[in-house]
Amino acid sequence: MKFSQREPVSRWMQGTVALLLVMLAVPAWAYLDPGTGSMIISAIVGLFATIGLAVKTYWYKIKALMRKDGAETAVCDEAQMDSESTADH
């Protein structure tokens, strides 16, 4: 007896089967009150605020990594001169 070799299943077919299985999911019959939607929205807003704060906190360090070494010292010198000029006024 000889076994025939099958061709491997294509990615398109795998994706189609996965999509059909998700669409055929059994309903949970769960109740979501109006407060749940508000809670989800506030969690998403909080996530974006946290990401924004992290980027703001590390922005100058990220910029320093992107620049050359000489440019970093020039930025520090400019910041120091700006702080001295505002202290005079």
PDB file of N, CA and C in Angstrom:
ATOM      1  N   MET A   1       0.823  -1.193   0.000  1.00  0.00           N
ATOM      2  CA  MET A   1       0.000   0.000   0.000  1.00  0.00           C
ATOM      3  C   MET A   1       0.864   1.252   0.000  1.00  0.00           C
ATOM      4  N   LYS A   2       0.543   2.132  -0.890  1.00  0.00           N
ATOM      5  CA  LYS A   2       1.258   3.397  -0.944  1.00  0.00           C
ATOM      6  C   LYS A   2       0.338   4.505  -0.445  1.00  0.00           C
ATOM      7  N   PHE A   3       0.947   5.391   0.336  1.00  0.00           N
ATOM      8  CA  PHE A   3       0.214   6.546   0.834  1.00  0.00           C
ATOM      9  C   PHE A   3       0.477   7.724  -0.084  1.00  0.00           C
ATOM     10  N   SER A   4      -0.561   8.415  -0.440  1.00  0.00           N
ATOM     11  CA  SER A   4      -0.370   9.600  -1.277  1.00  0.00           C
ATOM     12  C   SER A   4      -0.012  10.783  -0.389  1.00  0.00           C
ATOM     13  N   GLN A   5       0.866  11.611  -0.879  1.00  0.00           N
ATOM     14  CA  GLN A   5       1.269  12.795  -0.123  1.00  0.00           C
ATOM     15  C   GLN A   5       0.303  13.924  -0.426  1.00  0.00           C
ATOM     16  N   ARG A   6      -0.146  14.565   0.616  1.00  0.00           N
ATOM     17  CA  ARG A   6      -1.055  15.700   0.461  1.00  0.00           C
ATOM     18  C   ARG A   6      -0.266  16.995   0.401  1.00  0.00           C
ATOM     19  N   GLU A   7      -0.813  17.954  -0.296  1.00  0.00           N
ATOM     20  CA  GLU A   7      -0.190  19.273  -0.340  1.00  0.00           C
ATOM     21  C   GLU A   7      -0.498  19.990   0.967  1.00  0.00           C
ATOM     22  N   PRO A   8       0.430  20.801   1.460  1.00  0.00           N
ATOM     23  CA  PRO A   8       0.175  21.525   2.705  1.00  0.00           C
ATOM     24  C   PRO A   8      -0.982  22.515   2.541  1.00  0.00           C
ATOM     25  N   VAL A   9      -1.702  22.751   3.617  1.00  0.00           N
ATOM     26  CA  VAL A   9      -2.846  23.663   3.598  1.00  0.00           C
ATOM     27  C   VAL A   9      -2.321  25.092   3.481  1.00  0.00           C
ATOM     28  N   SER A  10      -2.907  25.855   2.580  1.00  0.00           N
ATOM     29  CA  SER A  10      -2.440  27.222   2.353  1.00  0.00           C
ATOM     30  C   SER A  10      -2.858  28.139   3.506  1.00  0.00           C
ATOM     31  N   ARG A  11      -2.178  29.263   3.607  1.00  0.00           N
ATOM     32  CA  ARG A  11      -2.491  30.249   4.652  1.00  0.00           C
ATOM     33  C   ARG A  11      -3.894  30.816   4.462  1.00  0.00           C
ATOM     34  N   TRP A  12      -4.297  30.965   3.219  1.00  0.00           N
ATOM     35  CA  TRP A  12      -5.626  31.491   2.936  1.00  0.00           C
ATOM     36  C   TRP A  12      -6.693  30.567   3.485  1.00  0.00           C
ATOM     37  N   MET A  13      -6.504  29.265   3.305  1.00  0.00           N
ATOM     38  CA  MET A  13      -7.467  28.290   3.800  1.00  0.00           C
ATOM     39  C   MET A  13      -7.482  28.273   5.329  1.00  0.00           C
ATOM     40  N   GLN A  14      -6.317  28.385   5.952  1.00  0.00           N
ATOM     41  CA  GLN A  14      -6.264  28.425   7.412  1.00  0.00           C
ATOM     42  C   GLN A  14      -6.987  29.650   7.947  1.00  0.00           C
ATOM     43  N   GLY A  15      -6.786  30.794   7.307  1.00  0.00           N
ATOM     44  CA  GLY A  15      -7.458  32.017   7.737  1.00  0.00           C
ATOM     45  C   GLY A  15      -8.963  31.918   7.571  1.00  0.00           C
ATOM     46  N   THR A  16      -9.400  31.316   6.489  1.00  0.00           N
ATOM     47  CA  THR A  16     -10.834  31.151   6.244  1.00  0.00           C
ATOM     48  C   THR A  16     -11.464  30.258   7.301  1.00  0.00           C
ATOM     49  N   VAL A  17     -10.819  29.172   7.622  1.00  0.00           N
ATOM     50  CA  VAL A  17     -11.340  28.260   8.646  1.00  0.00           C
ATOM     51  C   VAL A  17     -11.372  28.943  10.011  1.00  0.00           C
ATOM     52  N   ALA A  18     -10.317  29.698  10.339  1.00  0.00           N
ATOM     53  CA  ALA A  18     -10.286  30.403  11.625  1.00  0.00           C
ATOM     54  C   ALA A  18     -11.408  31.429  11.707  1.00  0.00           C
ATOM     55  N   LEU A  19     -11.644  32.164  10.624  1.00  0.00           N
ATOM     56  CA  LEU A  19     -12.719  33.158  10.604  1.00  0.00           C
ATOM     57  C   LEU A  19     -14.084  32.499  10.770  1.00  0.00           C
ATOM     58  N   LEU A  20     -14.303  31.379  10.103  1.00  0.00           N
ATOM     59  CA  LEU A  20     -15.575  30.670  10.239  1.00  0.00           C
ATOM     60  C   LEU A  20     -15.782  30.147  11.660  1.00  0.00           C
ATOM     61  N   LEU A  21     -14.721  29.667  12.284  1.00  0.00           N
ATOM     62  CA  LEU A  21     -14.848  29.184  13.658  1.00  0.00           C
ATOM     63  C   LEU A  21     -15.184  30.316  14.628  1.00  0.00           C
ATOM     64  N   VAL A  22     -14.619  31.488  14.409  1.00  0.00           N
ATOM     65  CA  VAL A  22     -14.933  32.635  15.264  1.00  0.00           C
ATOM     66  C   VAL A  22     -16.373  33.070  15.064  1.00  0.00           C
ATOM     67  N   MET A  23     -16.836  33.035  13.819  1.00  0.00           N
ATOM     68  CA  MET A  23     -18.210  33.451  13.533  1.00  0.00           C
ATOM     69  C   MET A  23     -19.233  32.459  14.075  1.00  0.00           C
ATOM     70  N   LEU A  24     -18.837  31.227  14.276  1.00  0.00           N
ATOM     71  CA  LEU A  24     -19.762  30.212  14.777  1.00  0.00           C
ATOM     72  C   LEU A  24     -19.695  30.037  16.287  1.00  0.00           C
ATOM     73  N   ALA A  25     -19.142  31.005  16.995  1.00  0.00           N
ATOM     74  CA  ALA A  25     -19.008  30.914  18.442  1.00  0.00           C
ATOM     75  C   ALA A  25     -20.391  30.883  19.102  1.00  0.00           C
ATOM     76  N   VAL A  26     -20.488  30.176  20.192  1.00  0.00           N
ATOM     77  CA  VAL A  26     -21.735  30.060  20.938  1.00  0.00           C
ATOM     78  C   VAL A  26     -21.963  31.354  21.712  1.00  0.00           C
ATOM     79  N   PRO A  27     -23.164  31.932  21.688  1.00  0.00           N
ATOM     80  CA  PRO A  27     -23.418  33.166  22.436  1.00  0.00           C
ATOM     81  C   PRO A  27     -23.260  32.950  23.940  1.00  0.00           C
ATOM     82  N   ALA A  28     -22.767  33.972  24.625  1.00  0.00           N
ATOM     83  CA  ALA A  28     -22.509  33.870  26.061  1.00  0.00           C
ATOM     84  C   ALA A  28     -23.746  34.183  26.892  1.00  0.00           C
ATOM     85  N   TRP A  29     -24.716  34.872  26.334  1.00  0.00           N
ATOM     86  CA  TRP A  29     -25.908  35.300  27.042  1.00  0.00           C
ATOM     87  C   TRP A  29     -25.555  36.093  28.297  1.00  0.00           C
ATOM     88  N   ALA A  30     -24.584  36.982  28.151  1.00  0.00           N
ATOM     89  CA  ALA A  30     -24.147  37.813  29.264  1.00  0.00           C
ATOM     90  C   ALA A  30     -24.777  39.197  29.149  1.00  0.00           C
ATOM     91  N   TYR A  31     -24.966  39.841  30.278  1.00  0.00           N
ATOM     92  CA  TYR A  31     -25.554  41.173  30.290  1.00  0.00           C
ATOM     93  C   TYR A  31     -24.453  42.195  30.531  1.00  0.00           C
ATOM     94  N   LEU A  32     -24.375  43.186  29.664  1.00  0.00           N
ATOM     95  CA  LEU A  32     -23.434  44.292  29.840  1.00  0.00           C
ATOM     96  C   LEU A  32     -24.241  45.560  30.054  1.00  0.00           C
ATOM     97  N   ASP A  33     -24.167  46.114  31.251  1.00  0.00           N
ATOM     98  CA  ASP A  33     -24.928  47.319  31.537  1.00  0.00           C
ATOM     99  C   ASP A  33     -24.235  48.537  30.927  1.00  0.00           C
ATOM    100  N   PRO A  34     -24.920  49.682  30.869  1.00  0.00           N
ATOM    101  CA  PRO A  34     -24.340  50.879  30.254  1.00  0.00           C
ATOM    102  C   PRO A  34     -23.040  51.348  30.917  1.00  0.00           C
ATOM    103  N   GLY A  35     -22.874  51.076  32.177  1.00  0.00           N
ATOM    104  CA  GLY A  35     -21.651  51.465  32.881  1.00  0.00           C
ATOM    105  C   GLY A  35     -20.431  50.721  32.371  1.00  0.00           C
ATOM    106  N   THR A  36     -20.625  49.538  31.804  1.00  0.00           N
ATOM    107  CA  THR A  36     -19.509  48.764  31.286  1.00  0.00           C
ATOM    108  C   THR A  36     -18.870  49.464  30.088  1.00  0.00           C
ATOM    109  N   GLY A  37     -19.673  50.008  29.209  1.00  0.00           N
ATOM    110  CA  GLY A  37     -19.137  50.737  28.066  1.00  0.00           C
ATOM    111  C   GLY A  37     -18.338  51.951  28.503  1.00  0.00           C
ATOM    112  N   SER A  38     -18.849  52.659  29.492  1.00  0.00           N
ATOM    113  CA  SER A  38     -18.142  53.817  30.022  1.00  0.00           C
ATOM    114  C   SER A  38     -16.812  53.398  30.648  1.00  0.00           C
ATOM    115  N   MET A  39     -16.815  52.271  31.332  1.00  0.00           N
ATOM    116  CA  MET A  39     -15.596  51.775  31.961  1.00  0.00           C
ATOM    117  C   MET A  39     -14.556  51.389  30.909  1.00  0.00           C
ATOM    118  N   ILE A  40     -14.991  50.770  29.828  1.00  0.00           N
ATOM    119  CA  ILE A  40     -14.075  50.385  28.752  1.00  0.00           C
ATOM    120  C   ILE A  40     -13.484  51.625  28.094  1.00  0.00           C
ATOM    121  N   ILE A  41     -14.319  52.638  27.847  1.00  0.00           N
ATOM    122  CA  ILE A  41     -13.828  53.878  27.231  1.00  0.00           C
ATOM    123  C   ILE A  41     -12.831  54.572  28.150  1.00  0.00           C
ATOM    124  N   SER A  42     -13.110  54.632  29.443  1.00  0.00           N
ATOM    125  CA  SER A  42     -12.180  55.295  30.360  1.00  0.00           C
ATOM    126  C   SER A  42     -10.869  54.513  30.474  1.00  0.00           C
ATOM    127  N   ALA A  43     -10.914  53.192  30.359  1.00  0.00           N
ATOM    128  CA  ALA A  43      -9.685  52.402  30.380  1.00  0.00           C
ATOM    129  C   ALA A  43      -8.843  52.678  29.142  1.00  0.00           C
ATOM    130  N   ILE A  44      -9.488  52.810  27.983  1.00  0.00           N
ATOM    131  CA  ILE A  44      -8.764  53.116  26.742  1.00  0.00           C
ATOM    132  C   ILE A  44      -8.145  54.508  26.813  1.00  0.00           C
ATOM    133  N   VAL A  45      -8.906  55.489  27.310  1.00  0.00           N
ATOM    134  CA  VAL A  45      -8.381  56.852  27.451  1.00  0.00           C
ATOM    135  C   VAL A  45      -7.206  56.858  28.424  1.00  0.00           C
ATOM    136  N   GLY A  46      -7.321  56.125  29.516  1.00  0.00           N
ATOM    137  CA  GLY A  46      -6.231  56.032  30.486  1.00  0.00           C
ATOM    138  C   GLY A  46      -4.984  55.398  29.897  1.00  0.00           C
ATOM    139  N   LEU A  47      -5.177  54.404  29.042  1.00  0.00           N
ATOM    140  CA  LEU A  47      -4.044  53.755  28.383  1.00  0.00           C
ATOM    141  C   LEU A  47      -3.316  54.743  27.482  1.00  0.00           C
ATOM    142  N   PHE A  48      -4.073  55.516  26.673  1.00  0.00           N
ATOM    143  CA  PHE A  48      -3.447  56.513  25.810  1.00  0.00           C
ATOM    144  C   PHE A  48      -2.764  57.610  26.628  1.00  0.00           C
ATOM    145  N   ALA A  49      -3.356  58.011  27.737  1.00  0.00           N
ATOM    146  CA  ALA A  49      -2.738  59.035  28.584  1.00  0.00           C
ATOM    147  C   ALA A  49      -1.428  58.524  29.178  1.00  0.00           C
ATOM    148  N   THR A  50      -1.399  57.261  29.582  1.00  0.00           N
ATOM    149  CA  THR A  50      -0.185  56.673  30.131  1.00  0.00           C
ATOM    150  C   THR A  50       0.917  56.588  29.081  1.00  0.00           C
ATOM    151  N   ILE A  51       0.551  56.188  27.872  1.00  0.00           N
ATOM    152  CA  ILE A  51       1.536  56.117  26.792  1.00  0.00           C
ATOM    153  C   ILE A  51       2.059  57.509  26.469  1.00  0.00           C
ATOM    154  N   GLY A  52       1.173  58.494  26.423  1.00  0.00           N
ATOM    155  CA  GLY A  52       1.591  59.870  26.156  1.00  0.00           C
ATOM    156  C   GLY A  52       2.528  60.407  27.222  1.00  0.00           C
ATOM    157  N   LEU A  53       2.247  60.120  28.475  1.00  0.00           N
ATOM    158  CA  LEU A  53       3.108  60.571  29.570  1.00  0.00           C
ATOM    159  C   LEU A  53       4.473  59.896  29.508  1.00  0.00           C
ATOM    160  N   ALA A  54       4.495  58.616  29.168  1.00  0.00           N
ATOM    161  CA  ALA A  54       5.772  57.912  29.056  1.00  0.00           C
ATOM    162  C   ALA A  54       6.607  58.480  27.915  1.00  0.00           C
ATOM    163  N   VAL A  55       5.966  58.770  26.791  1.00  0.00           N
ATOM    164  CA  VAL A  55       6.698  59.351  25.657  1.00  0.00           C
ATOM    165  C   VAL A  55       7.206  60.740  26.028  1.00  0.00           C
ATOM    166  N   LYS A  56       6.375  61.542  26.698  1.00  0.00           N
ATOM    167  CA  LYS A  56       6.790  62.883  27.108  1.00  0.00           C
ATOM    168  C   LYS A  56       7.947  62.821  28.093  1.00  0.00           C
ATOM    169  N   THR A  57       7.914  61.866  28.997  1.00  0.00           N
ATOM    170  CA  THR A  57       8.965  61.740  30.004  1.00  0.00           C
ATOM    171  C   THR A  57      10.303  61.390  29.371  1.00  0.00           C
ATOM    172  N   TYR A  58      10.298  60.493  28.415  1.00  0.00           N
ATOM    173  CA  TYR A  58      11.540  60.016  27.825  1.00  0.00           C
ATOM    174  C   TYR A  58      11.842  60.638  26.468  1.00  0.00           C
ATOM    175  N   TRP A  59      11.122  61.695  26.074  1.00  0.00           N
ATOM    176  CA  TRP A  59      11.278  62.273  24.747  1.00  0.00           C
ATOM    177  C   TRP A  59      12.702  62.777  24.497  1.00  0.00           C
ATOM    178  N   TYR A  60      13.276  63.498  25.448  1.00  0.00           N
ATOM    179  CA  TYR A  60      14.613  64.044  25.238  1.00  0.00           C
ATOM    180  C   TYR A  60      15.665  62.941  25.211  1.00  0.00           C
ATOM    181  N   LYS A  61      15.447  61.892  25.970  1.00  0.00           N
ATOM    182  CA  LYS A  61      16.382  60.760  25.916  1.00  0.00           C
ATOM    183  C   LYS A  61      16.284  60.046  24.572  1.00  0.00           C
ATOM    184  N   ILE A  62      15.076  59.937  24.048  1.00  0.00           N
ATOM    185  CA  ILE A  62      14.886  59.304  22.742  1.00  0.00           C
ATOM    186  C   ILE A  62      15.526  60.173  21.655  1.00  0.00           C
ATOM    187  N   LYS A  63      15.325  61.490  21.726  1.00  0.00           N
ATOM    188  CA  LYS A  63      15.932  62.389  20.753  1.00  0.00           C
ATOM    189  C   LYS A  63      17.452  62.336  20.835  1.00  0.00           C
ATOM    190  N   ALA A  64      17.998  62.227  22.045  1.00  0.00           N
ATOM    191  CA  ALA A  64      19.448  62.169  22.205  1.00  0.00           C
ATOM    192  C   ALA A  64      20.016  60.905  21.575  1.00  0.00           C
ATOM    193  N   LEU A  65      19.283  59.825  21.620  1.00  0.00           N
ATOM    194  CA  LEU A  65      19.753  58.598  20.992  1.00  0.00           C
ATOM    195  C   LEU A  65      19.787  58.726  19.476  1.00  0.00           C
ATOM    196  N   MET A  66      18.881  59.525  18.924  1.00  0.00           N
ATOM    197  CA  MET A  66      18.798  59.681  17.479  1.00  0.00           C
ATOM    198  C   MET A  66      19.865  60.640  16.932  1.00  0.00           C
ATOM    199  N   ARG A  67      20.359  61.529  17.782  1.00  0.00           N
ATOM    200  CA  ARG A  67      21.319  62.530  17.331  1.00  0.00           C
ATOM    201  C   ARG A  67      22.746  62.021  17.471  1.00  0.00           C
ATOM    202  N   LYS A  68      23.631  62.776  16.867  1.00  0.00           N
ATOM    203  CA  LYS A  68      25.053  62.487  17.025  1.00  0.00           C
ATOM    204  C   LYS A  68      25.521  63.037  18.361  1.00  0.00           C
ATOM    205  N   ASP A  69      26.697  62.651  18.799  1.00  0.00           N
ATOM    206  CA  ASP A  69      27.207  63.079  20.104  1.00  0.00           C
ATOM    207  C   ASP A  69      27.413  64.591  20.181  1.00  0.00           C
ATOM    208  N   GLY A  70      27.862  65.225  19.119  1.00  0.00           N
ATOM    209  CA  GLY A  70      28.114  66.659  19.129  1.00  0.00           C
ATOM    210  C   GLY A  70      26.848  67.466  19.262  1.00  0.00           C
ATOM    211  N   ALA A  71      25.780  67.001  18.680  1.00  0.00           N
ATOM    212  CA  ALA A  71      24.513  67.734  18.724  1.00  0.00           C
ATOM    213  C   ALA A  71      23.917  67.721  20.121  1.00  0.00           C
ATOM    214  N   GLU A  72      24.192  66.671  20.874  1.00  0.00           N
ATOM    215  CA  GLU A  72      23.634  66.567  22.225  1.00  0.00           C
ATOM    216  C   GLU A  72      24.209  67.640  23.133  1.00  0.00           C
ATOM    217  N   THR A  73      25.506  67.910  23.050  1.00  0.00           N
ATOM    218  CA  THR A  73      26.105  68.925  23.903  1.00  0.00           C
ATOM    219  C   THR A  73      25.633  70.316  23.510  1.00  0.00           C
ATOM    220  N   ALA A  74      25.364  70.524  22.222  1.00  0.00           N
ATOM    221  CA  ALA A  74      24.869  71.822  21.777  1.00  0.00           C
ATOM    222  C   ALA A  74      23.482  72.097  22.350  1.00  0.00           C
ATOM    223  N   VAL A  75      22.651  71.092  22.429  1.00  0.00           N
ATOM    224  CA  VAL A  75      21.307  71.250  22.986  1.00  0.00           C
ATOM    225  C   VAL A  75      21.399  71.571  24.468  1.00  0.00           C
ATOM    226  N   CYS A  76      22.296  70.922  25.179  1.00  0.00           N
ATOM    227  CA  CYS A  76      22.468  71.187  26.607  1.00  0.00           C
ATOM    228  C   CYS A  76      22.963  72.609  26.837  1.00  0.00           C
ATOM    229  N   ASP A  77      23.889  73.090  25.984  1.00  0.00           N
ATOM    230  CA  ASP A  77      24.398  74.445  26.112  1.00  0.00           C
ATOM    231  C   ASP A  77      23.305  75.466  25.846  1.00  0.00           C
ATOM    232  N   GLU A  78      22.451  75.216  24.844  1.00  0.00           N
ATOM    233  CA  GLU A  78      21.352  76.127  24.536  1.00  0.00           C
ATOM    234  C   GLU A  78      20.351  76.186  25.686  1.00  0.00           C
ATOM    235  N   ALA A  79      20.060  75.043  26.275  1.00  0.00           N
ATOM    236  CA  ALA A  79      19.117  75.003  27.389  1.00  0.00           C
ATOM    237  C   ALA A  79      19.675  75.764  28.578  1.00  0.00           C
ATOM    238  N   GLN A  80      20.970  75.653  28.814  1.00  0.00           N
ATOM    239  CA  GLN A  80      21.589  76.356  29.929  1.00  0.00           C
ATOM    240  C   GLN A  80      21.558  77.865  29.681  1.00  0.00           C
ATOM    241  N   MET A  81      21.826  78.321  28.461  1.00  0.00           N
ATOM    242  CA  MET A  81      21.800  79.739  28.133  1.00  0.00           C
ATOM    243  C   MET A  81      20.386  80.276  28.246  1.00  0.00           C
ATOM    244  N   ASP A  82      19.379  79.488  27.851  1.00  0.00           N
ATOM    245  CA  ASP A  82      17.988  79.946  27.973  1.00  0.00           C
ATOM    246  C   ASP A  82      17.594  80.128  29.418  1.00  0.00           C
ATOM    247  N   SER A  83      18.019  79.200  30.282  1.00  0.00           N
ATOM    248  CA  SER A  83      17.662  79.304  31.691  1.00  0.00           C
ATOM    249  C   SER A  83      18.354  80.498  32.330  1.00  0.00           C
ATOM    250  N   GLU A  84      19.570  80.821  31.906  1.00  0.00           N
ATOM    251  CA  GLU A  84      20.278  81.989  32.460  1.00  0.00           C
ATOM    252  C   GLU A  84      19.620  83.281  31.999  1.00  0.00           C
ATOM    253  N   SER A  85      19.157  83.331  30.747  1.00  0.00           N
ATOM    254  CA  SER A  85      18.554  84.552  30.239  1.00  0.00           C
ATOM    255  C   SER A  85      17.194  84.809  30.885  1.00  0.00           C
ATOM    256  N   THR A  86      16.456  83.781  31.208  1.00  0.00           N
ATOM    257  CA  THR A  86      15.161  83.986  31.878  1.00  0.00           C
ATOM    258  C   THR A  86      15.361  84.345  33.334  1.00  0.00           C
ATOM    259  N   ALA A  87      16.461  83.951  33.934  1.00  0.00           N
ATOM    260  CA  ALA A  87      16.726  84.289  35.329  1.00  0.00           C
ATOM    261  C   ALA A  87      17.073  85.769  35.463  1.00  0.00           C
ATOM    262  N   ASP A  88      17.640  86.371  34.411  1.00  0.00           N
ATOM    263  CA  ASP A  88      18.010  87.780  34.457  1.00  0.00           C
ATOM    264  C   ASP A  88      16.801  88.689  34.449  1.00  0.00           C
ATOM    265  N   HIS A  89      15.709  88.244  33.812  1.00  0.00           N
ATOM    266  CA  HIS A  89      14.518  89.091  33.680  1.00  0.00           C
ATOM    267  C   HIS A  89      13.641  88.953  34.832  1.00  0.00           C
TER     268      HIS A  89
END
